[in-house]
Amino acid sequence: MNAVDAQNVIAPSGTAKIGQFEYDIATNSAPRTIEELNNLPVKVVGNSTIYVRDVSHVSDGFIPQTNIVRQDGRRGVLTTVIKDGDASTLSVVQGIRTLLPPVQQTLPPQLKTQQLADQSVFVRAAVSGVIREAAIAAVLTALMILVFLGSWRSTVIIVVSIPLAILSSVIILSFLHQTINLMTLGGLALAVGILVDDATVTIENISRHLEEGQPLHQGILEGAAQIAVPALVSTLCICIVFLPMFSLGGVAHYLFQPLAEAVIFAMLASYILSRTLVPTLAMYLLKPREETPAPARNSFTRAQKAFDRGFEAFRLRLSTVADDVSEEKRCFCSGVCAGLFCRGRARAVAWAGLFPEHR
């Protein structure tokens, strides 16, 4: 190959002045035919010259075919489009679909094109999954807030914080040149279930202070300040779980790092929103407790008050049972040990069933 490269060159060699014009002259030693490639000298051994045709044979052909493409029993040609790492699957597929109709018009009528695979289907399904999970989390959290707190204002605050946390994570991922793919969407879907915790705990604690009769401004400040450190610790504990993914190498690093970044950024955004946006919205939407509340006329409000009374009775009953059980320490410890033993025994039986020993 070195000999062929050395003799297959086109290089400038000087100029020639003919009349009133001066022309550039280039040395062209590039072979013009296949036979000339076979006649290129490779090496001189003694008085003999070894040519390319002595060690190989150059011909105009193609590489050996190792596969055959058939579609509906007919021979065809498969063209696979692979995107760059920083490109979006949805954008690439949409661009290809836009270019196909003009290209089809330039092809012979006998040549038919057909799409065989589309990776954007999975990405769109993942996007739909994230939206569905976010909607389910928002609805369930709203129902919980309505049932336990009986305040649609608190529900609005919680529902607003969920998409903002997801959007913040997407913006940071965009700054880091990450795209919307299966792994980032999977991370967002994984984080949706725990995004509501910070805002929910903040609203619940603020509502508790307001129910105790504190002024609106003081109740918001104290309610948000009391759970600032515990919420931060719980958020960091969740983020620390995903830190080892950044130390992975090879393909696993490129697969799981976007997932970890999506979860971590969404959790941190949720905590920041619970410290900033949630108290601000509470200041504008929530109202202080009235000293002499008027009787409820709304059927939902009456149902919620009845639920509060029932839940409080259940809580007191459960507390009484816990106190009674804690007094019988021996029975309590024996029951706990028996439960742990049964659980370990059941796990051992299940493990033996999944991985039986070969005898």
Protein backbone atom coordinates (compact mmCIF):
# COMPACT_ATOMS: atom_id res chain seq x y z
CA MET A 1 0.00 0.00 0.00
CA ASN A 2 2.87 2.40 0.69
CA ALA A 3 4.25 1.81 -2.81
CA VAL A 4 0.88 2.43 -4.43
CA ASP A 5 0.35 5.60 -2.39
CA ALA A 6 3.82 6.89 -3.26
CA GLN A 7 3.27 6.50 -7.02
CA ASN A 8 -0.41 7.44 -7.23
CA VAL A 9 0.09 11.19 -6.70
CA ILE A 10 -0.54 14.48 -8.48
CA ALA A 11 1.98 17.13 -7.42
CA PRO A 12 3.04 20.54 -8.78
CA SER A 13 6.45 20.45 -10.49
CA GLY A 14 6.92 24.01 -11.71
CA THR A 15 5.83 26.38 -14.49
CA ALA A 16 6.40 26.69 -18.24
CA LYS A 17 6.40 30.02 -20.11
CA ILE A 18 5.05 29.71 -23.62
CA GLY A 19 4.77 32.96 -25.45
CA GLN A 20 3.20 35.61 -23.31
CA PHE A 21 1.57 33.05 -20.98
CA GLU A 22 3.02 31.08 -18.07
CA TYR A 23 1.42 27.74 -17.24
CA ASP A 24 1.54 25.68 -14.06
CA ILE A 25 2.79 22.17 -14.66
CA ALA A 26 1.75 19.29 -12.43
CA THR A 27 3.31 15.85 -12.36
CA ASN A 28 0.48 13.39 -12.85
CA SER A 29 1.54 9.86 -11.99
CA ALA A 30 -1.96 8.66 -11.16
CA PRO A 31 -2.87 5.53 -13.13
CA ARG A 32 -5.70 6.04 -15.60
CA THR A 33 -6.64 2.40 -16.12
CA ILE A 34 -6.85 -0.75 -14.02
CA GLU A 35 -4.02 -2.31 -15.99
CA GLU A 36 -1.70 0.53 -15.05
CA LEU A 37 -2.39 -0.19 -11.38
CA ASN A 38 -1.28 -3.78 -11.91
CA ASN A 39 1.96 -2.52 -13.56
CA LEU A 40 3.01 -0.32 -10.65
CA PRO A 41 6.41 -1.38 -9.23
CA VAL A 42 6.39 -2.36 -5.60
CA LYS A 43 9.94 -3.39 -4.80
CA VAL A 44 13.27 -4.14 -6.44
CA VAL A 45 15.01 -7.36 -5.37
CA GLY A 46 18.42 -7.72 -6.95
CA ASN A 47 17.95 -7.16 -10.67
CA SER A 48 14.25 -8.04 -10.60
CA THR A 49 11.36 -5.66 -10.16
CA ILE A 50 8.27 -6.86 -8.34
CA TYR A 51 5.03 -5.37 -9.62
CA VAL A 52 1.58 -5.17 -8.09
CA ARG A 53 0.37 -7.95 -10.41
CA ASP A 54 3.00 -10.27 -8.89
CA VAL A 55 1.59 -10.02 -5.36
CA SER A 56 -2.08 -9.25 -6.01
CA HIS A 57 -4.63 -8.62 -8.71
CA VAL A 58 -6.44 -5.29 -9.13
CA SER A 59 -9.86 -5.43 -10.78
CA ASP A 60 -12.93 -3.24 -11.03
CA GLY A 61 -15.42 -5.01 -8.79
CA PHE A 62 -17.06 -4.91 -5.38
CA ILE A 63 -16.50 -6.45 -1.99
CA PRO A 64 -17.84 -9.96 -1.43
CA GLN A 65 -21.54 -9.88 -0.57
CA THR A 66 -22.21 -11.24 2.90
CA ASN A 67 -25.94 -10.59 3.21
CA ILE A 68 -29.12 -10.49 1.19
CA VAL A 69 -32.12 -8.22 1.77
CA ARG A 70 -35.57 -9.56 0.97
CA GLN A 71 -38.88 -7.81 1.50
CA ASP A 72 -42.05 -9.81 0.82
CA GLY A 73 -39.91 -12.41 -0.94
CA ARG A 74 -38.30 -9.93 -3.33
CA ARG A 75 -34.71 -8.75 -3.44
CA GLY A 76 -34.16 -5.23 -2.22
CA VAL A 77 -31.69 -2.76 -0.79
CA LEU A 78 -31.71 -1.74 2.86
CA THR A 79 -30.55 1.76 3.76
CA THR A 80 -30.12 2.44 7.48
CA VAL A 81 -29.94 6.03 8.72
CA ILE A 82 -27.94 6.41 11.96
CA LYS A 83 -28.12 9.69 13.83
CA ASP A 84 -25.25 11.49 15.54
CA GLY A 85 -24.98 11.36 19.31
CA ASP A 86 -26.11 14.97 19.78
CA ALA A 87 -29.00 14.76 17.31
CA SER A 88 -32.65 14.23 18.22
CA THR A 89 -34.29 11.03 17.04
CA LEU A 90 -37.59 12.82 16.48
CA SER A 91 -35.95 15.58 14.40
CA VAL A 92 -33.98 13.12 12.26
CA VAL A 93 -37.01 10.95 11.53
CA GLN A 94 -39.17 13.97 10.74
CA GLY A 95 -36.50 15.30 8.37
CA ILE A 96 -36.27 11.97 6.55
CA ARG A 97 -40.04 11.79 6.16
CA THR A 98 -40.04 15.31 4.74
CA LEU A 99 -37.34 14.49 2.17
CA LEU A 100 -38.74 11.16 1.01
CA PRO A 101 -41.61 12.46 -1.22
CA PRO A 102 -39.35 14.75 -3.36
CA VAL A 103 -36.75 11.97 -3.65
CA GLN A 104 -39.44 9.46 -4.64
CA GLN A 105 -40.42 11.64 -7.61
CA THR A 106 -36.88 11.42 -9.04
CA LEU A 107 -36.75 7.61 -8.89
CA PRO A 108 -37.86 5.23 -11.62
CA PRO A 109 -41.48 4.06 -11.34
CA GLN A 110 -40.30 0.47 -10.83
CA LEU A 111 -38.35 1.42 -7.71
CA LYS A 112 -40.49 1.34 -4.61
CA THR A 113 -39.46 2.60 -1.17
CA GLN A 114 -40.94 1.41 2.08
CA GLN A 115 -40.20 2.21 5.71
CA LEU A 116 -39.22 -0.88 7.70
CA ALA A 117 -38.23 0.49 11.13
CA ASP A 118 -38.76 3.70 13.03
CA GLN A 119 -37.07 4.34 16.37
CA SER A 120 -39.10 7.50 16.91
CA VAL A 121 -42.09 5.30 17.74
CA PHE A 122 -40.41 4.24 20.98
CA VAL A 123 -39.37 7.82 21.79
CA ARG A 124 -42.90 9.08 21.24
CA ALA A 125 -44.22 6.27 23.44
CA ALA A 126 -41.76 7.31 26.15
CA VAL A 127 -42.90 10.94 25.85
CA SER A 128 -46.51 9.80 26.18
CA GLY A 129 -45.51 7.72 29.21
CA VAL A 130 -43.92 10.71 30.94
CA ILE A 131 -46.97 12.87 30.25
CA ARG A 132 -49.29 10.11 31.47
CA GLU A 133 -47.27 9.57 34.65
CA ALA A 134 -47.18 13.31 35.33
CA ALA A 135 -50.94 13.55 34.84
CA ILE A 136 -51.58 10.57 37.14
CA ALA A 137 -49.27 12.00 39.80
CA ALA A 138 -50.95 15.41 39.56
CA VAL A 139 -54.47 13.94 39.77
CA LEU A 140 -53.70 11.63 42.70
CA THR A 141 -51.87 14.36 44.58
CA ALA A 142 -54.72 16.79 43.93
CA LEU A 143 -57.24 14.27 45.26
CA MET A 144 -55.11 13.69 48.35
CA ILE A 145 -54.83 17.41 49.03
CA LEU A 146 -58.55 17.91 48.48
CA VAL A 147 -59.48 15.02 50.77
CA PHE A 148 -57.09 15.77 53.64
CA LEU A 149 -56.86 19.56 53.46
CA GLY A 150 -60.10 20.39 51.70
CA SER A 151 -58.48 23.32 49.85
CA TRP A 152 -58.54 23.73 46.08
CA ARG A 153 -56.00 26.53 46.45
CA SER A 154 -53.43 24.13 47.88
CA THR A 155 -54.25 21.72 45.07
CA VAL A 156 -53.47 24.36 42.44
CA ILE A 157 -50.08 25.06 44.05
CA ILE A 158 -49.12 21.37 43.98
CA VAL A 159 -50.29 20.85 40.39
CA VAL A 160 -48.31 23.87 39.16
CA SER A 161 -45.04 22.72 40.74
CA ILE A 162 -44.94 19.33 38.95
CA PRO A 163 -44.59 20.49 35.29
CA LEU A 164 -42.25 23.30 36.33
CA ALA A 165 -39.85 20.82 37.94
CA ILE A 166 -39.90 18.63 34.82
CA LEU A 167 -39.40 21.65 32.56
CA SER A 168 -36.46 22.82 34.66
CA SER A 169 -34.79 19.42 34.31
CA VAL A 170 -35.32 19.45 30.53
CA ILE A 171 -33.78 22.94 30.24
CA ILE A 172 -30.67 21.90 32.19
CA LEU A 173 -30.35 18.75 30.10
CA SER A 174 -30.50 20.91 26.97
CA PHE A 175 -27.66 23.09 28.28
CA LEU A 176 -25.60 19.91 28.79
CA HIS A 177 -26.28 18.88 25.16
CA GLN A 178 -28.51 15.99 26.15
CA THR A 179 -31.43 15.10 23.93
CA ILE A 180 -34.92 13.81 24.60
CA ASN A 181 -34.40 10.06 24.32
CA LEU A 182 -35.55 6.89 26.01
CA MET A 183 -33.10 7.22 28.90
CA THR A 184 -33.82 10.87 29.75
CA LEU A 185 -37.55 10.27 29.45
CA GLY A 186 -37.20 7.19 31.62
CA GLY A 187 -35.43 9.28 34.25
CA LEU A 188 -38.19 11.89 34.17
CA ALA A 189 -40.86 9.19 34.45
CA LEU A 190 -38.96 7.74 37.41
CA ALA A 191 -38.76 11.14 39.10
CA VAL A 192 -42.39 12.14 38.58
CA GLY A 193 -43.58 9.93 41.42
CA ILE A 194 -41.36 11.68 43.96
CA LEU A 195 -41.45 15.22 42.57
CA VAL A 196 -44.63 16.00 44.46
CA ASP A 197 -43.19 15.15 47.88
CA ASP A 198 -41.40 18.45 48.55
CA ALA A 199 -44.31 20.67 47.54
CA THR A 200 -46.86 18.46 49.29
CA VAL A 201 -44.97 18.42 52.59
CA THR A 202 -44.47 22.19 52.41
CA ILE A 203 -48.15 22.90 51.78
CA GLU A 204 -49.24 20.48 54.48
CA ASN A 205 -46.97 22.06 57.09
CA ILE A 206 -48.04 25.58 56.13
CA SER A 207 -51.69 24.55 56.38
CA ARG A 208 -51.05 23.09 59.83
CA HIS A 209 -49.60 26.38 61.08
CA LEU A 210 -52.52 28.30 59.62
CA GLU A 211 -54.99 25.92 61.27
CA GLU A 212 -53.29 26.67 64.60
CA GLY A 213 -54.28 30.30 64.19
CA GLN A 214 -50.96 31.85 63.14
CA PRO A 215 -50.99 34.88 60.79
CA LEU A 216 -50.58 34.10 57.10
CA HIS A 217 -47.07 35.52 56.69
CA GLN A 218 -45.73 33.97 59.89
CA GLY A 219 -47.39 30.62 59.22
CA ILE A 220 -45.84 30.40 55.75
CA LEU A 221 -42.36 31.33 57.00
CA GLU A 222 -42.37 28.93 59.94
CA GLY A 223 -44.07 26.13 58.01
CA ALA A 224 -41.56 26.31 55.15
CA ALA A 225 -38.56 26.73 57.48
CA GLN A 226 -39.39 23.71 59.65
CA ILE A 227 -39.17 21.21 56.80
CA ALA A 228 -36.34 22.89 54.85
CA VAL A 229 -33.54 20.72 56.26
CA PRO A 230 -35.46 17.39 56.33
CA ALA A 231 -36.65 17.94 52.74
CA LEU A 232 -33.09 18.77 51.66
CA VAL A 233 -31.73 15.63 53.31
CA SER A 234 -34.37 13.42 51.67
CA THR A 235 -33.72 15.03 48.28
CA LEU A 236 -29.96 14.53 48.57
CA CYS A 237 -30.45 10.91 49.64
CA ILE A 238 -32.41 10.25 46.46
CA CYS A 239 -29.80 12.04 44.32
CA ILE A 240 -26.90 10.15 45.92
CA VAL A 241 -28.41 6.86 44.76
CA PHE A 242 -27.81 7.88 41.14
CA LEU A 243 -24.27 9.27 41.58
CA PRO A 244 -22.51 5.91 40.93
CA MET A 245 -23.90 5.98 37.39
CA PHE A 246 -21.48 8.81 36.58
CA SER A 247 -18.52 6.50 37.28
CA LEU A 248 -19.64 3.88 34.76
CA GLY A 249 -17.50 3.35 31.69
CA GLY A 250 -18.07 2.36 28.10
CA VAL A 251 -21.55 2.07 26.65
CA ALA A 252 -23.17 1.93 30.10
CA HIS A 253 -21.86 5.44 30.82
CA TYR A 254 -23.59 6.93 27.78
CA LEU A 255 -26.79 4.99 28.49
CA PHE A 256 -27.34 5.62 32.20
CA GLN A 257 -25.73 9.03 32.70
CA PRO A 258 -28.62 10.90 30.99
CA LEU A 259 -31.09 8.97 33.16
CA ALA A 260 -29.25 9.93 36.34
CA GLU A 261 -28.98 13.57 35.25
CA ALA A 262 -32.71 13.75 34.50
CA VAL A 263 -33.64 12.40 37.94
CA ILE A 264 -31.13 14.53 39.87
CA PHE A 265 -31.98 17.79 38.10
CA ALA A 266 -35.73 17.19 38.50
CA MET A 267 -35.35 16.47 42.21
CA LEU A 268 -33.18 19.53 42.82
CA ALA A 269 -35.60 21.70 40.83
CA SER A 270 -38.49 20.32 42.89
CA TYR A 271 -36.73 21.23 46.13
CA ILE A 272 -35.86 24.74 44.92
CA LEU A 273 -39.46 25.30 43.81
CA SER A 274 -40.73 24.12 47.19
CA ARG A 275 -38.50 26.76 48.85
CA THR A 276 -39.39 29.62 46.48
CA LEU A 277 -42.46 29.19 44.31
CA VAL A 278 -44.66 27.21 46.71
CA PRO A 279 -44.41 29.72 49.63
CA THR A 280 -44.96 32.60 47.19
CA LEU A 281 -48.11 31.02 45.74
CA ALA A 282 -49.26 30.18 49.26
CA MET A 283 -48.92 33.83 50.20
CA TYR A 284 -51.21 34.88 47.35
CA LEU A 285 -53.68 31.96 47.31
CA LEU A 286 -54.06 30.69 50.86
CA LYS A 287 -56.14 32.44 53.46
CA PRO A 288 -55.68 32.62 57.25
CA ARG A 289 -58.04 30.65 59.44
CA GLU A 290 -61.23 32.41 60.42
CA GLU A 291 -61.88 32.65 64.17
CA THR A 292 -65.59 31.94 63.75
CA PRO A 293 -65.91 29.96 60.53
CA ALA A 294 -69.32 30.04 58.89
CA PRO A 295 -71.19 26.77 58.56
CA ALA A 296 -70.32 24.91 55.41
CA ARG A 297 -72.93 25.05 52.67
CA ASN A 298 -70.99 23.13 50.05
CA SER A 299 -71.64 19.39 50.00
CA PHE A 300 -68.00 18.67 49.24
CA THR A 301 -66.88 20.75 52.21
CA ARG A 302 -69.27 18.90 54.51
CA ALA A 303 -68.02 15.55 53.19
CA GLN A 304 -64.42 16.63 53.73
CA LYS A 305 -65.17 17.71 57.31
CA ALA A 306 -66.82 14.34 57.96
CA PHE A 307 -63.76 12.61 56.56
CA ASP A 308 -61.52 14.67 58.86
CA ARG A 309 -63.56 13.64 61.88
CA GLY A 310 -63.47 9.98 60.87
CA PHE A 311 -59.75 10.08 60.14
CA GLU A 312 -59.04 11.78 63.47
CA ALA A 313 -61.04 9.11 65.30
CA PHE A 314 -59.13 6.41 63.45
CA ARG A 315 -55.81 8.09 64.30
CA LEU A 316 -56.69 8.26 68.00
CA ARG A 317 -57.79 4.63 67.99
CA LEU A 318 -54.57 3.56 66.27
CA SER A 319 -52.52 5.55 68.79
CA THR A 320 -54.33 3.81 71.66
CA VAL A 321 -53.67 0.39 70.15
CA ALA A 322 -50.00 1.27 69.68
CA ASP A 323 -49.72 2.34 73.31
CA ASP A 324 -51.35 -0.90 74.49
CA VAL A 325 -49.06 -3.02 72.32
CA SER A 326 -45.94 -1.17 73.44
CA GLU A 327 -46.78 -1.98 77.07
CA GLU A 328 -46.61 -5.70 76.29
CA LYS A 329 -42.98 -5.65 75.21
CA ARG A 330 -42.48 -9.41 75.27
CA CYS A 331 -45.48 -10.15 73.10
CA PHE A 332 -44.56 -7.33 70.77
CA CYS A 333 -40.94 -8.48 70.37
CA SER A 334 -42.04 -12.09 69.90
CA GLY A 335 -44.50 -11.08 67.18
CA VAL A 336 -41.88 -9.03 65.36
CA CYS A 337 -39.34 -11.88 65.48
CA ALA A 338 -41.96 -14.36 64.24
CA GLY A 339 -42.87 -12.06 61.37
CA LEU A 340 -39.23 -11.62 60.37
CA PHE A 341 -38.66 -15.37 60.52
CA CYS A 342 -41.69 -16.09 58.32
CA ARG A 343 -40.58 -13.45 55.85
CA GLY A 344 -37.06 -14.89 55.63
CA ARG A 345 -38.43 -18.39 55.25
CA ALA A 346 -40.76 -17.31 52.45
CA ARG A 347 -37.89 -15.57 50.65
CA ALA A 348 -35.71 -18.68 50.95
CA VAL A 349 -38.48 -20.85 49.49
CA ALA A 350 -39.01 -18.41 46.62
CA TRP A 351 -35.26 -18.25 45.93
CA ALA A 352 -35.04 -22.05 45.85
CA GLY A 353 -37.95 -22.15 43.42
CA LEU A 354 -36.35 -19.64 41.08
CA PHE A 355 -32.86 -21.19 41.20
CA PRO A 356 -33.23 -24.93 41.92
CA GLU A 357 -30.08 -26.91 42.53
CA HIS A 358 -29.11 -29.48 39.92
CA ARG A 359 -28.36 -32.80 41.51
